[in-house]
Amino acid sequence: MMLTPLQLFKNLSDETRLTMVLLLRQAEELCVCELAAILTLPQPKISRHLAMLRASGLLLDRREGKWVYYRLSPHMPAWAAGIIEQAYLSQREQVSNLAKRAAADGRTVCR
């Protein structure tokens, strides 16, 4: 499936999906449970958003035991990667603080 600008912006127009993409840009790879903990959202909701992002070609996943890890796809179009990079650069501090607060609260440990 060829990603179009409209599809990209529809995916990133949701605050949860945008935040997940920016967190993945920063961390390179995160487990569903880590994303749920950082965003303080239920795992099924996170999984639905991740499925949408994966279906659009923005994410890749891999299974390791009972955990599923996600990362940004290196196969996404360069223009889409550039938009994500610019969004990340403009929100880098907020994304970093969000992840740090979750780690400090002990919320990022998968069980």
PDB file of N, CA and C in Angstrom:
ATOM      1  N   MET A   1       0.832  -1.183   0.000  1.00  0.00           N
ATOM      2  CA  MET A   1       0.000   0.000   0.000  1.00  0.00           C
ATOM      3  C   MET A   1       0.878   1.248   0.000  1.00  0.00           C
ATOM      4  N   MET A   2       0.550   2.179  -0.872  1.00  0.00           N
ATOM      5  CA  MET A   2       1.329   3.408  -0.981  1.00  0.00           C
ATOM      6  C   MET A   2       0.763   4.454  -0.029  1.00  0.00           C
ATOM      7  N   LEU A   3       1.587   4.935   0.886  1.00  0.00           N
ATOM      8  CA  LEU A   3       1.173   5.953   1.852  1.00  0.00           C
ATOM      9  C   LEU A   3       1.004   7.288   1.139  1.00  0.00           C
ATOM     10  N   THR A   4      -0.140   7.919   1.354  1.00  0.00           N
ATOM     11  CA  THR A   4      -0.391   9.232   0.768  1.00  0.00           C
ATOM     12  C   THR A   4      -0.296  10.291   1.865  1.00  0.00           C
ATOM     13  N   PRO A   5      -0.097  11.544   1.489  1.00  0.00           N
ATOM     14  CA  PRO A   5      -0.089  12.600   2.514  1.00  0.00           C
ATOM     15  C   PRO A   5      -1.377  12.619   3.335  1.00  0.00           C
ATOM     16  N   LEU A   6      -2.513  12.420   2.690  1.00  0.00           N
ATOM     17  CA  LEU A   6      -3.779  12.420   3.420  1.00  0.00           C
ATOM     18  C   LEU A   6      -3.791  11.323   4.480  1.00  0.00           C
ATOM     19  N   GLN A   7      -3.339  10.109   4.130  1.00  0.00           N
ATOM     20  CA  GLN A   7      -3.301   9.008   5.098  1.00  0.00           C
ATOM     21  C   GLN A   7      -2.357   9.335   6.253  1.00  0.00           C
ATOM     22  N   LEU A   8      -1.188   9.895   5.927  1.00  0.00           N
ATOM     23  CA  LEU A   8      -0.238  10.240   6.984  1.00  0.00           C
ATOM     24  C   LEU A   8      -0.853  11.237   7.948  1.00  0.00           C
ATOM     25  N   PHE A   9      -1.433  12.302   7.410  1.00  0.00           N
ATOM     26  CA  PHE A   9      -1.977  13.332   8.282  1.00  0.00           C
ATOM     27  C   PHE A   9      -3.197  12.837   9.055  1.00  0.00           C
ATOM     28  N   LYS A  10      -3.998  11.956   8.470  1.00  0.00           N
ATOM     29  CA  LYS A  10      -5.105  11.358   9.214  1.00  0.00           C
ATOM     30  C   LYS A  10      -4.572  10.535  10.384  1.00  0.00           C
ATOM     31  N   ASN A  11      -3.515   9.764  10.144  1.00  0.00           N
ATOM     32  CA  ASN A  11      -2.919   8.958  11.216  1.00  0.00           C
ATOM     33  C   ASN A  11      -2.336   9.834  12.314  1.00  0.00           C
ATOM     34  N   LEU A  12      -1.672  10.896  11.929  1.00  0.00           N
ATOM     35  CA  LEU A  12      -0.999  11.741  12.916  1.00  0.00           C
ATOM     36  C   LEU A  12      -1.922  12.786  13.527  1.00  0.00           C
ATOM     37  N   SER A  13      -3.157  12.910  13.036  1.00  0.00           N
ATOM     38  CA  SER A  13      -4.073  13.912  13.578  1.00  0.00           C
ATOM     39  C   SER A  13      -4.627  13.510  14.940  1.00  0.00           C
ATOM     40  N   ASP A  14      -4.516  12.244  15.293  1.00  0.00           N
ATOM     41  CA  ASP A  14      -4.940  11.779  16.609  1.00  0.00           C
ATOM     42  C   ASP A  14      -3.773  11.958  17.576  1.00  0.00           C
ATOM     43  N   GLU A  15      -4.028  12.607  18.702  1.00  0.00           N
ATOM     44  CA  GLU A  15      -2.960  12.918  19.659  1.00  0.00           C
ATOM     45  C   GLU A  15      -2.253  11.660  20.170  1.00  0.00           C
ATOM     46  N   THR A  16      -3.001  10.600  20.423  1.00  0.00           N
ATOM     47  CA  THR A  16      -2.391   9.361  20.915  1.00  0.00           C
ATOM     48  C   THR A  16      -1.464   8.764  19.865  1.00  0.00           C
ATOM     49  N   ARG A  17      -1.930   8.685  18.621  1.00  0.00           N
ATOM     50  CA  ARG A  17      -1.089   8.118  17.564  1.00  0.00           C
ATOM     51  C   ARG A  17       0.141   8.981  17.313  1.00  0.00           C
ATOM     52  N   LEU A  18      -0.033  10.295  17.302  1.00  0.00           N
ATOM     53  CA  LEU A  18       1.113  11.179  17.103  1.00  0.00           C
ATOM     54  C   LEU A  18       2.126  10.988  18.221  1.00  0.00           C
ATOM     55  N   THR A  19       1.665  10.942  19.445  1.00  0.00           N
ATOM     56  CA  THR A  19       2.578  10.763  20.587  1.00  0.00           C
ATOM     57  C   THR A  19       3.293   9.425  20.502  1.00  0.00           C
ATOM     58  N   MET A  20       2.584   8.367  20.105  1.00  0.00           N
ATOM     59  CA  MET A  20       3.231   7.059  19.970  1.00  0.00           C
ATOM     60  C   MET A  20       4.320   7.101  18.901  1.00  0.00           C
ATOM     61  N   VAL A  21       4.026   7.731  17.769  1.00  0.00           N
ATOM     62  CA  VAL A  21       5.028   7.836  16.702  1.00  0.00           C
ATOM     63  C   VAL A  21       6.250   8.612  17.192  1.00  0.00           C
ATOM     64  N   LEU A  22       6.028   9.691  17.925  1.00  0.00           N
ATOM     65  CA  LEU A  22       7.159  10.485  18.424  1.00  0.00           C
ATOM     66  C   LEU A  22       7.946   9.730  19.487  1.00  0.00           C
ATOM     67  N   LEU A  23       7.255   8.977  20.332  1.00  0.00           N
ATOM     68  CA  LEU A  23       7.960   8.140  21.316  1.00  0.00           C
ATOM     69  C   LEU A  23       8.802   7.074  20.622  1.00  0.00           C
ATOM     70  N   LEU A  24       8.257   6.483  19.567  1.00  0.00           N
ATOM     71  CA  LEU A  24       9.015   5.476  18.817  1.00  0.00           C
ATOM     72  C   LEU A  24      10.189   6.110  18.086  1.00  0.00           C
ATOM     73  N   ARG A  25      10.031   7.328  17.628  1.00  0.00           N
ATOM     74  CA  ARG A  25      11.148   8.033  16.989  1.00  0.00           C
ATOM     75  C   ARG A  25      12.287   8.214  17.989  1.00  0.00           C
ATOM     76  N   GLN A  26      11.919   8.518  19.231  1.00  0.00           N
ATOM     77  CA  GLN A  26      12.934   8.743  20.268  1.00  0.00           C
ATOM     78  C   GLN A  26      13.557   7.437  20.743  1.00  0.00           C
ATOM     79  N   ALA A  27      12.737   6.453  21.060  1.00  0.00           N
ATOM     80  CA  ALA A  27      13.225   5.219  21.682  1.00  0.00           C
ATOM     81  C   ALA A  27      13.671   4.171  20.672  1.00  0.00           C
ATOM     82  N   GLU A  28      13.296   4.336  19.429  1.00  0.00           N
ATOM     83  CA  GLU A  28      13.571   3.398  18.346  1.00  0.00           C
ATOM     84  C   GLU A  28      12.676   2.169  18.383  1.00  0.00           C
ATOM     85  N   GLU A  29      12.416   1.599  19.550  1.00  0.00           N
ATOM     86  CA  GLU A  29      11.551   0.426  19.649  1.00  0.00           C
ATOM     87  C   GLU A  29      10.934   0.389  21.043  1.00  0.00           C
ATOM     88  N   LEU A  30       9.629   0.129  21.095  1.00  0.00           N
ATOM     89  CA  LEU A  30       8.931   0.017  22.371  1.00  0.00           C
ATOM     90  C   LEU A  30       7.923  -1.116  22.313  1.00  0.00           C
ATOM     91  N   CYS A  31       7.704  -1.724  23.441  1.00  0.00           N
ATOM     92  CA  CYS A  31       6.708  -2.775  23.601  1.00  0.00           C
ATOM     93  C   CYS A  31       5.338  -2.129  23.808  1.00  0.00           C
ATOM     94  N   VAL A  32       4.296  -2.840  23.464  1.00  0.00           N
ATOM     95  CA  VAL A  32       2.939  -2.348  23.670  1.00  0.00           C
ATOM     96  C   VAL A  32       2.741  -1.953  25.130  1.00  0.00           C
ATOM     97  N   CYS A  33       3.221  -2.769  26.041  1.00  0.00           N
ATOM     98  CA  CYS A  33       3.028  -2.476  27.460  1.00  0.00           C
ATOM     99  C   CYS A  33       3.772  -1.208  27.882  1.00  0.00           C
ATOM    100  N   GLU A  34       4.920  -0.935  27.274  1.00  0.00           N
ATOM    101  CA  GLU A  34       5.651   0.294  27.581  1.00  0.00           C
ATOM    102  C   GLU A  34       4.875   1.515  27.088  1.00  0.00           C
ATOM    103  N   LEU A  35       4.325   1.424  25.886  1.00  0.00           N
ATOM    104  CA  LEU A  35       3.520   2.526  25.361  1.00  0.00           C
ATOM    105  C   LEU A  35       2.289   2.754  26.226  1.00  0.00           C
ATOM    106  N   ALA A  36       1.629   1.676  26.637  1.00  0.00           N
ATOM    107  CA  ALA A  36       0.446   1.799  27.493  1.00  0.00           C
ATOM    108  C   ALA A  36       0.811   2.458  28.818  1.00  0.00           C
ATOM    109  N   ALA A  37       1.951   2.088  29.366  1.00  0.00           N
ATOM    110  CA  ALA A  37       2.379   2.659  30.639  1.00  0.00           C
ATOM    111  C   ALA A  37       2.737   4.139  30.504  1.00  0.00           C
ATOM    112  N   ILE A  38       3.472   4.478  29.477  1.00  0.00           N
ATOM    113  CA  ILE A  38       3.888   5.867  29.280  1.00  0.00           C
ATOM    114  C   ILE A  38       2.667   6.757  29.059  1.00  0.00           C
ATOM    115  N   LEU A  39       1.719   6.278  28.265  1.00  0.00           N
ATOM    116  CA  LEU A  39       0.551   7.084  27.911  1.00  0.00           C
ATOM    117  C   LEU A  39      -0.602   6.931  28.897  1.00  0.00           C
ATOM    118  N   THR A  40      -0.441   6.038  29.873  1.00  0.00           N
ATOM    119  CA  THR A  40      -1.481   5.714  30.862  1.00  0.00           C
ATOM    120  C   THR A  40      -2.829   5.445  30.191  1.00  0.00           C
ATOM    121  N   LEU A  41      -2.784   4.568  29.199  1.00  0.00           N
ATOM    122  CA  LEU A  41      -3.979   4.147  28.474  1.00  0.00           C
ATOM    123  C   LEU A  41      -4.054   2.628  28.497  1.00  0.00           C
ATOM    124  N   PRO A  42      -5.250   2.063  28.379  1.00  0.00           N
ATOM    125  CA  PRO A  42      -5.380   0.600  28.376  1.00  0.00           C
ATOM    126  C   PRO A  42      -4.719  -0.026  27.153  1.00  0.00           C
ATOM    127  N   GLN A  43      -4.164  -1.202  27.351  1.00  0.00           N
ATOM    128  CA  GLN A  43      -3.454  -1.904  26.283  1.00  0.00           C
ATOM    129  C   GLN A  43      -4.311  -2.124  25.036  1.00  0.00           C
ATOM    130  N   PRO A  44      -5.595  -2.484  25.152  1.00  0.00           N
ATOM    131  CA  PRO A  44      -6.385  -2.666  23.921  1.00  0.00           C
ATOM    132  C   PRO A  44      -6.496  -1.384  23.086  1.00  0.00           C
ATOM    133  N   LYS A  45      -6.604  -0.243  23.744  1.00  0.00           N
ATOM    134  CA  LYS A  45      -6.675   1.031  23.015  1.00  0.00           C
ATOM    135  C   LYS A  45      -5.364   1.304  22.292  1.00  0.00           C
ATOM    136  N   ILE A  46      -4.246   1.065  22.972  1.00  0.00           N
ATOM    137  CA  ILE A  46      -2.925   1.242  22.357  1.00  0.00           C
ATOM    138  C   ILE A  46      -2.788   0.301  21.163  1.00  0.00           C
ATOM    139  N   SER A  47      -3.207  -0.943  21.329  1.00  0.00           N
ATOM    140  CA  SER A  47      -3.088  -1.925  20.251  1.00  0.00           C
ATOM    141  C   SER A  47      -3.905  -1.520  19.023  1.00  0.00           C
ATOM    142  N   ARG A  48      -5.094  -0.956  19.221  1.00  0.00           N
ATOM    143  CA  ARG A  48      -5.905  -0.506  18.080  1.00  0.00           C
ATOM    144  C   ARG A  48      -5.198   0.612  17.318  1.00  0.00           C
ATOM    145  N   HIS A  49      -4.617   1.562  18.048  1.00  0.00           N
ATOM    146  CA  HIS A  49      -3.884   2.653  17.394  1.00  0.00           C
ATOM    147  C   HIS A  49      -2.656   2.114  16.663  1.00  0.00           C
ATOM    148  N   LEU A  50      -1.951   1.185  17.289  1.00  0.00           N
ATOM    149  CA  LEU A  50      -0.768   0.604  16.653  1.00  0.00           C
ATOM    150  C   LEU A  50      -1.148  -0.152  15.384  1.00  0.00           C
ATOM    151  N   ALA A  51      -2.272  -0.850  15.411  1.00  0.00           N
ATOM    152  CA  ALA A  51      -2.722  -1.580  14.220  1.00  0.00           C
ATOM    153  C   ALA A  51      -2.992  -0.620  13.066  1.00  0.00           C
ATOM    154  N   MET A  52      -3.563   0.527  13.351  1.00  0.00           N
ATOM    155  CA  MET A  52      -3.818   1.526  12.307  1.00  0.00           C
ATOM    156  C   MET A  52      -2.501   2.038  11.724  1.00  0.00           C
ATOM    157  N   LEU A  53      -1.550   2.323  12.585  1.00  0.00           N
ATOM    158  CA  LEU A  53      -0.250   2.831  12.131  1.00  0.00           C
ATOM    159  C   LEU A  53       0.507   1.766  11.338  1.00  0.00           C
ATOM    160  N   ARG A  54       0.407   0.526  11.775  1.00  0.00           N
ATOM    161  CA  ARG A  54       1.061  -0.568  11.063  1.00  0.00           C
ATOM    162  C   ARG A  54       0.420  -0.787   9.689  1.00  0.00           C
ATOM    163  N   ALA A  55      -0.902  -0.725   9.631  1.00  0.00           N
ATOM    164  CA  ALA A  55      -1.622  -0.923   8.364  1.00  0.00           C
ATOM    165  C   ALA A  55      -1.274   0.154   7.342  1.00  0.00           C
ATOM    166  N   SER A  56      -0.953   1.345   7.814  1.00  0.00           N
ATOM    167  CA  SER A  56      -0.596   2.438   6.898  1.00  0.00           C
ATOM    168  C   SER A  56       0.849   2.353   6.431  1.00  0.00           C
ATOM    169  N   GLY A  57       1.626   1.443   7.035  1.00  0.00           N
ATOM    170  CA  GLY A  57       3.020   1.283   6.644  1.00  0.00           C
ATOM    171  C   GLY A  57       3.993   2.128   7.436  1.00  0.00           C
ATOM    172  N   LEU A  58       3.506   2.786   8.499  1.00  0.00           N
ATOM    173  CA  LEU A  58       4.396   3.621   9.307  1.00  0.00           C
ATOM    174  C   LEU A  58       5.193   2.816  10.326  1.00  0.00           C
ATOM    175  N   LEU A  59       4.661   1.670  10.745  1.00  0.00           N
ATOM    176  CA  LEU A  59       5.312   0.874  11.798  1.00  0.00           C
ATOM    177  C   LEU A  59       5.565  -0.552  11.340  1.00  0.00           C
ATOM    178  N   LEU A  60       6.566  -1.142  11.962  1.00  0.00           N
ATOM    179  CA  LEU A  60       6.845  -2.575  11.853  1.00  0.00           C
ATOM    180  C   LEU A  60       6.756  -3.149  13.260  1.00  0.00           C
ATOM    181  N   ASP A  61       6.416  -4.418  13.355  1.00  0.00           N
ATOM    182  CA  ASP A  61       6.359  -5.054  14.665  1.00  0.00           C
ATOM    183  C   ASP A  61       7.147  -6.353  14.646  1.00  0.00           C
ATOM    184  N   ARG A  62       7.502  -6.801  15.830  1.00  0.00           N
ATOM    185  CA  ARG A  62       8.152  -8.095  15.989  1.00  0.00           C
ATOM    186  C   ARG A  62       7.709  -8.671  17.320  1.00  0.00           C
ATOM    187  N   ARG A  63       7.560  -9.966  17.352  1.00  0.00           N
ATOM    188  CA  ARG A  63       7.145 -10.659  18.575  1.00  0.00           C
ATOM    189  C   ARG A  63       8.379 -11.263  19.239  1.00  0.00           C
ATOM    190  N   GLU A  64       8.436 -11.094  20.546  1.00  0.00           N
ATOM    191  CA  GLU A  64       9.487 -11.715  21.351  1.00  0.00           C
ATOM    192  C   GLU A  64       8.806 -12.312  22.579  1.00  0.00           C
ATOM    193  N   GLY A  65       8.609 -13.614  22.539  1.00  0.00           N
ATOM    194  CA  GLY A  65       7.853 -14.256  23.610  1.00  0.00           C
ATOM    195  C   GLY A  65       6.424 -13.764  23.574  1.00  0.00           C
ATOM    196  N   LYS A  66       5.934 -13.289  24.711  1.00  0.00           N
ATOM    197  CA  LYS A  66       4.563 -12.779  24.737  1.00  0.00           C
ATOM    198  C   LYS A  66       4.484 -11.285  24.455  1.00  0.00           C
ATOM    199  N   TRP A  67       5.601 -10.633  24.205  1.00  0.00           N
ATOM    200  CA  TRP A  67       5.618  -9.195  23.960  1.00  0.00           C
ATOM    201  C   TRP A  67       5.694  -8.892  22.473  1.00  0.00           C
ATOM    202  N   VAL A  68       5.056  -7.799  22.078  1.00  0.00           N
ATOM    203  CA  VAL A  68       5.135  -7.314  20.706  1.00  0.00           C
ATOM    204  C   VAL A  68       5.792  -5.942  20.750  1.00  0.00           C
ATOM    205  N   TYR A  69       6.862  -5.800  19.987  1.00  0.00           N
ATOM    206  CA  TYR A  69       7.620  -4.556  19.933  1.00  0.00           C
ATOM    207  C   TYR A  69       7.369  -3.855  18.608  1.00  0.00           C
ATOM    208  N   TYR A  70       7.297  -2.530  18.667  1.00  0.00           N
ATOM    209  CA  TYR A  70       7.042  -1.712  17.479  1.00  0.00           C
ATOM    210  C   TYR A  70       8.177  -0.735  17.260  1.00  0.00           C
ATOM    211  N   ARG A  71       8.379  -0.410  15.967  1.00  0.00           N
ATOM    212  CA  ARG A  71       9.379   0.582  15.585  1.00  0.00           C
ATOM    213  C   ARG A  71       8.892   1.264  14.309  1.00  0.00           C
ATOM    214  N   LEU A  72       9.426   2.444  14.038  1.00  0.00           N
ATOM    215  CA  LEU A  72       9.093   3.122  12.796  1.00  0.00           C
ATOM    216  C   LEU A  72       9.644   2.316  11.634  1.00  0.00           C
ATOM    217  N   SER A  73       8.892   2.251  10.571  1.00  0.00           N
ATOM    218  CA  SER A  73       9.316   1.481   9.409  1.00  0.00           C
ATOM    219  C   SER A  73      10.396   2.232   8.629  1.00  0.00           C
ATOM    220  N   PRO A  74      11.502   1.565   8.330  1.00  0.00           N
ATOM    221  CA  PRO A  74      12.523   2.198   7.483  1.00  0.00           C
ATOM    222  C   PRO A  74      12.077   2.261   6.026  1.00  0.00           C
ATOM    223  N   HIS A  75      10.941   1.631   5.710  1.00  0.00           N
ATOM    224  CA  HIS A  75      10.442   1.580   4.340  1.00  0.00           C
ATOM    225  C   HIS A  75       9.423   2.670   4.025  1.00  0.00           C
ATOM    226  N   MET A  76       9.093   3.505   5.032  1.00  0.00           N
ATOM    227  CA  MET A  76       8.136   4.570   4.747  1.00  0.00           C
ATOM    228  C   MET A  76       8.780   5.575   3.795  1.00  0.00           C
ATOM    229  N   PRO A  77       7.977   6.289   3.018  1.00  0.00           N
ATOM    230  CA  PRO A  77       8.538   7.268   2.086  1.00  0.00           C
ATOM    231  C   PRO A  77       9.373   8.320   2.815  1.00  0.00           C
ATOM    232  N   ALA A  78      10.402   8.791   2.148  1.00  0.00           N
ATOM    233  CA  ALA A  78      11.304   9.786   2.747  1.00  0.00           C
ATOM    234  C   ALA A  78      10.552  11.045   3.162  1.00  0.00           C
ATOM    235  N   TRP A  79       9.564  11.460   2.378  1.00  0.00           N
ATOM    236  CA  TRP A  79       8.826  12.671   2.729  1.00  0.00           C
ATOM    237  C   TRP A  79       8.071  12.478   4.046  1.00  0.00           C
ATOM    238  N   ALA A  80       7.529  11.264   4.283  1.00  0.00           N
ATOM    239  CA  ALA A  80       6.808  10.982   5.527  1.00  0.00           C
ATOM    240  C   ALA A  80       7.784  10.945   6.703  1.00  0.00           C
ATOM    241  N   ALA A  81       8.936  10.319   6.498  1.00  0.00           N
ATOM    242  CA  ALA A  81       9.958  10.284   7.548  1.00  0.00           C
ATOM    243  C   ALA A  81      10.413  11.703   7.896  1.00  0.00           C
ATOM    244  N   GLY A  82      10.514  12.566   6.892  1.00  0.00           N
ATOM    245  CA  GLY A  82      10.905  13.955   7.125  1.00  0.00           C
ATOM    246  C   GLY A  82       9.877  14.705   7.951  1.00  0.00           C
ATOM    247  N   ILE A  83       8.607  14.472   7.690  1.00  0.00           N
ATOM    248  CA  ILE A  83       7.544  15.126   8.469  1.00  0.00           C
ATOM    249  C   ILE A  83       7.590  14.654   9.916  1.00  0.00           C
ATOM    250  N   ILE A  84       7.757  13.352  10.108  1.00  0.00           N
ATOM    251  CA  ILE A  84       7.842  12.806  11.471  1.00  0.00           C
ATOM    252  C   ILE A  84       9.066  13.373  12.187  1.00  0.00           C
ATOM    253  N   GLU A  85      10.175  13.457  11.491  1.00  0.00           N
ATOM    254  CA  GLU A  85      11.400  14.004  12.091  1.00  0.00           C
ATOM    255  C   GLU A  85      11.195  15.453  12.529  1.00  0.00           C
ATOM    256  N   GLN A  86      10.582  16.258  11.680  1.00  0.00           N
ATOM    257  CA  GLN A  86      10.346  17.659  12.036  1.00  0.00           C
ATOM    258  C   GLN A  86       9.384  17.775  13.214  1.00  0.00           C
ATOM    259  N   ALA A  87       8.357  16.941  13.242  1.00  0.00           N
ATOM    260  CA  ALA A  87       7.426  16.936  14.374  1.00  0.00           C
ATOM    261  C   ALA A  87       8.161  16.543  15.649  1.00  0.00           C
ATOM    262  N   TYR A  88       9.025  15.542  15.540  1.00  0.00           N
ATOM    263  CA  TYR A  88       9.808  15.105  16.704  1.00  0.00           C
ATOM    264  C   TYR A  88      10.707  16.235  17.201  1.00  0.00           C
ATOM    265  N   LEU A  89      11.401  16.897  16.292  1.00  0.00           N
ATOM    266  CA  LEU A  89      12.309  17.974  16.689  1.00  0.00           C
ATOM    267  C   LEU A  89      11.566  19.103  17.393  1.00  0.00           C
ATOM    268  N   SER A  90      10.344  19.362  16.972  1.00  0.00           N
ATOM    269  CA  SER A  90       9.581  20.440  17.600  1.00  0.00           C
ATOM    270  C   SER A  90       8.999  20.026  18.954  1.00  0.00           C
ATOM    271  N   GLN A  91       8.905  18.713  19.214  1.00  0.00           N
ATOM    272  CA  GLN A  91       8.310  18.211  20.456  1.00  0.00           C
ATOM    273  C   GLN A  91       9.267  17.367  21.290  1.00  0.00           C
ATOM    274  N   ARG A  92      10.542  17.403  20.933  1.00  0.00           N
ATOM    275  CA  ARG A  92      11.536  16.519  21.568  1.00  0.00           C
ATOM    276  C   ARG A  92      11.517  16.618  23.086  1.00  0.00           C
ATOM    277  N   GLU A  93      11.492  17.809  23.622  1.00  0.00           N
ATOM    278  CA  GLU A  93      11.546  17.973  25.075  1.00  0.00           C
ATOM    279  C   GLU A  93      10.298  17.399  25.752  1.00  0.00           C
ATOM    280  N   GLN A  94       9.130  17.659  25.192  1.00  0.00           N
ATOM    281  CA  GLN A  94       7.891  17.135  25.771  1.00  0.00           C
ATOM    282  C   GLN A  94       7.859  15.612  25.725  1.00  0.00           C
ATOM    283  N   VAL A  95       8.293  15.033  24.616  1.00  0.00           N
ATOM    284  CA  VAL A  95       8.322  13.575  24.482  1.00  0.00           C
ATOM    285  C   VAL A  95       9.298  12.971  25.481  1.00  0.00           C
ATOM    286  N   SER A  96      10.450  13.580  25.609  1.00  0.00           N
ATOM    287  CA  SER A  96      11.453  13.101  26.554  1.00  0.00           C
ATOM    288  C   SER A  96      10.933  13.184  27.990  1.00  0.00           C
ATOM    289  N   ASN A  97      10.290  14.284  28.324  1.00  0.00           N
ATOM    290  CA  ASN A  97       9.747  14.442  29.675  1.00  0.00           C
ATOM    291  C   ASN A  97       8.658  13.425  29.973  1.00  0.00           C
ATOM    292  N   LEU A  98       7.821  13.139  29.006  1.00  0.00           N
ATOM    293  CA  LEU A  98       6.767  12.142  29.169  1.00  0.00           C
ATOM    294  C   LEU A  98       7.371  10.775  29.492  1.00  0.00           C
ATOM    295  N   ALA A  99       8.371  10.379  28.738  1.00  0.00           N
ATOM    296  CA  ALA A  99       9.026   9.088  28.965  1.00  0.00           C
ATOM    297  C   ALA A  99       9.762   9.066  30.305  1.00  0.00           C
ATOM    298  N   LYS A 100      10.412  10.167  30.657  1.00  0.00           N
ATOM    299  CA  LYS A 100      11.136  10.228  31.940  1.00  0.00           C
ATOM    300  C   LYS A 100      10.192  10.131  33.127  1.00  0.00           C
ATOM    301  N   ARG A 101       9.045  10.833  33.060  1.00  0.00           N
ATOM    302  CA  ARG A 101       8.071  10.775  34.158  1.00  0.00           C
ATOM    303  C   ARG A 101       7.545   9.353  34.336  1.00  0.00           C
ATOM    304  N   ALA A 102       7.265   8.669  33.251  1.00  0.00           N
ATOM    305  CA  ALA A 102       6.770   7.295  33.335  1.00  0.00           C
ATOM    306  C   ALA A 102       7.820   6.379  33.947  1.00  0.00           C
ATOM    307  N   ALA A 103       9.082   6.554  33.547  1.00  0.00           N
ATOM    308  CA  ALA A 103      10.161   5.733  34.098  1.00  0.00           C
ATOM    309  C   ALA A 103      10.349   6.018  35.582  1.00  0.00           C
ATOM    310  N   ALA A 104      10.279   7.279  35.961  1.00  0.00           N
ATOM    311  CA  ALA A 104      10.450   7.652  37.373  1.00  0.00           C
ATOM    312  C   ALA A 104       9.326   7.090  38.237  1.00  0.00           C
ATOM    313  N   ASP A 105       8.136   6.989  37.666  1.00  0.00           N
ATOM    314  CA  ASP A 105       6.993   6.430  38.391  1.00  0.00           C
ATOM    315  C   ASP A 105       6.996   4.905  38.381  1.00  0.00           C
ATOM    316  N   GLY A 106       7.953   4.304  37.654  1.00  0.00           N
ATOM    317  CA  GLY A 106       8.020   2.856  37.569  1.00  0.00           C
ATOM    318  C   GLY A 106       6.961   2.253  36.664  1.00  0.00           C
ATOM    319  N   ARG A 107       6.418   3.062  35.749  1.00  0.00           N
ATOM    320  CA  ARG A 107       5.327   2.590  34.886  1.00  0.00           C
ATOM    321  C   ARG A 107       5.791   1.890  33.638  1.00  0.00           C
ATOM    322  N   THR A 108       7.071   1.899  33.303  1.00  0.00           N
ATOM    323  CA  THR A 108       7.497   1.364  32.008  1.00  0.00           C
ATOM    324  C   THR A 108       8.001  -0.067  32.054  1.00  0.00           C
ATOM    325  N   VAL A 109       7.862  -0.725  33.170  1.00  0.00           N
ATOM    326  CA  VAL A 109       8.344  -2.101  33.293  1.00  0.00           C
ATOM    327  C   VAL A 109       7.244  -3.057  32.857  1.00  0.00           C
ATOM    328  N   CYS A 110       7.536  -3.894  31.877  1.00  0.00           N
ATOM    329  CA  CYS A 110       6.565  -4.899  31.425  1.00  0.00           C
ATOM    330  C   CYS A 110       6.621  -6.104  32.342  1.00  0.00           C
ATOM    331  N   ARG A 111       5.481  -6.633  32.633  1.00  0.00           N
ATOM    332  CA  ARG A 111       5.420  -7.810  33.508  1.00  0.00           C
ATOM    333  C   ARG A 111       4.869  -8.991  32.752  1.00  0.00           C
TER     334      ARG A 111
END
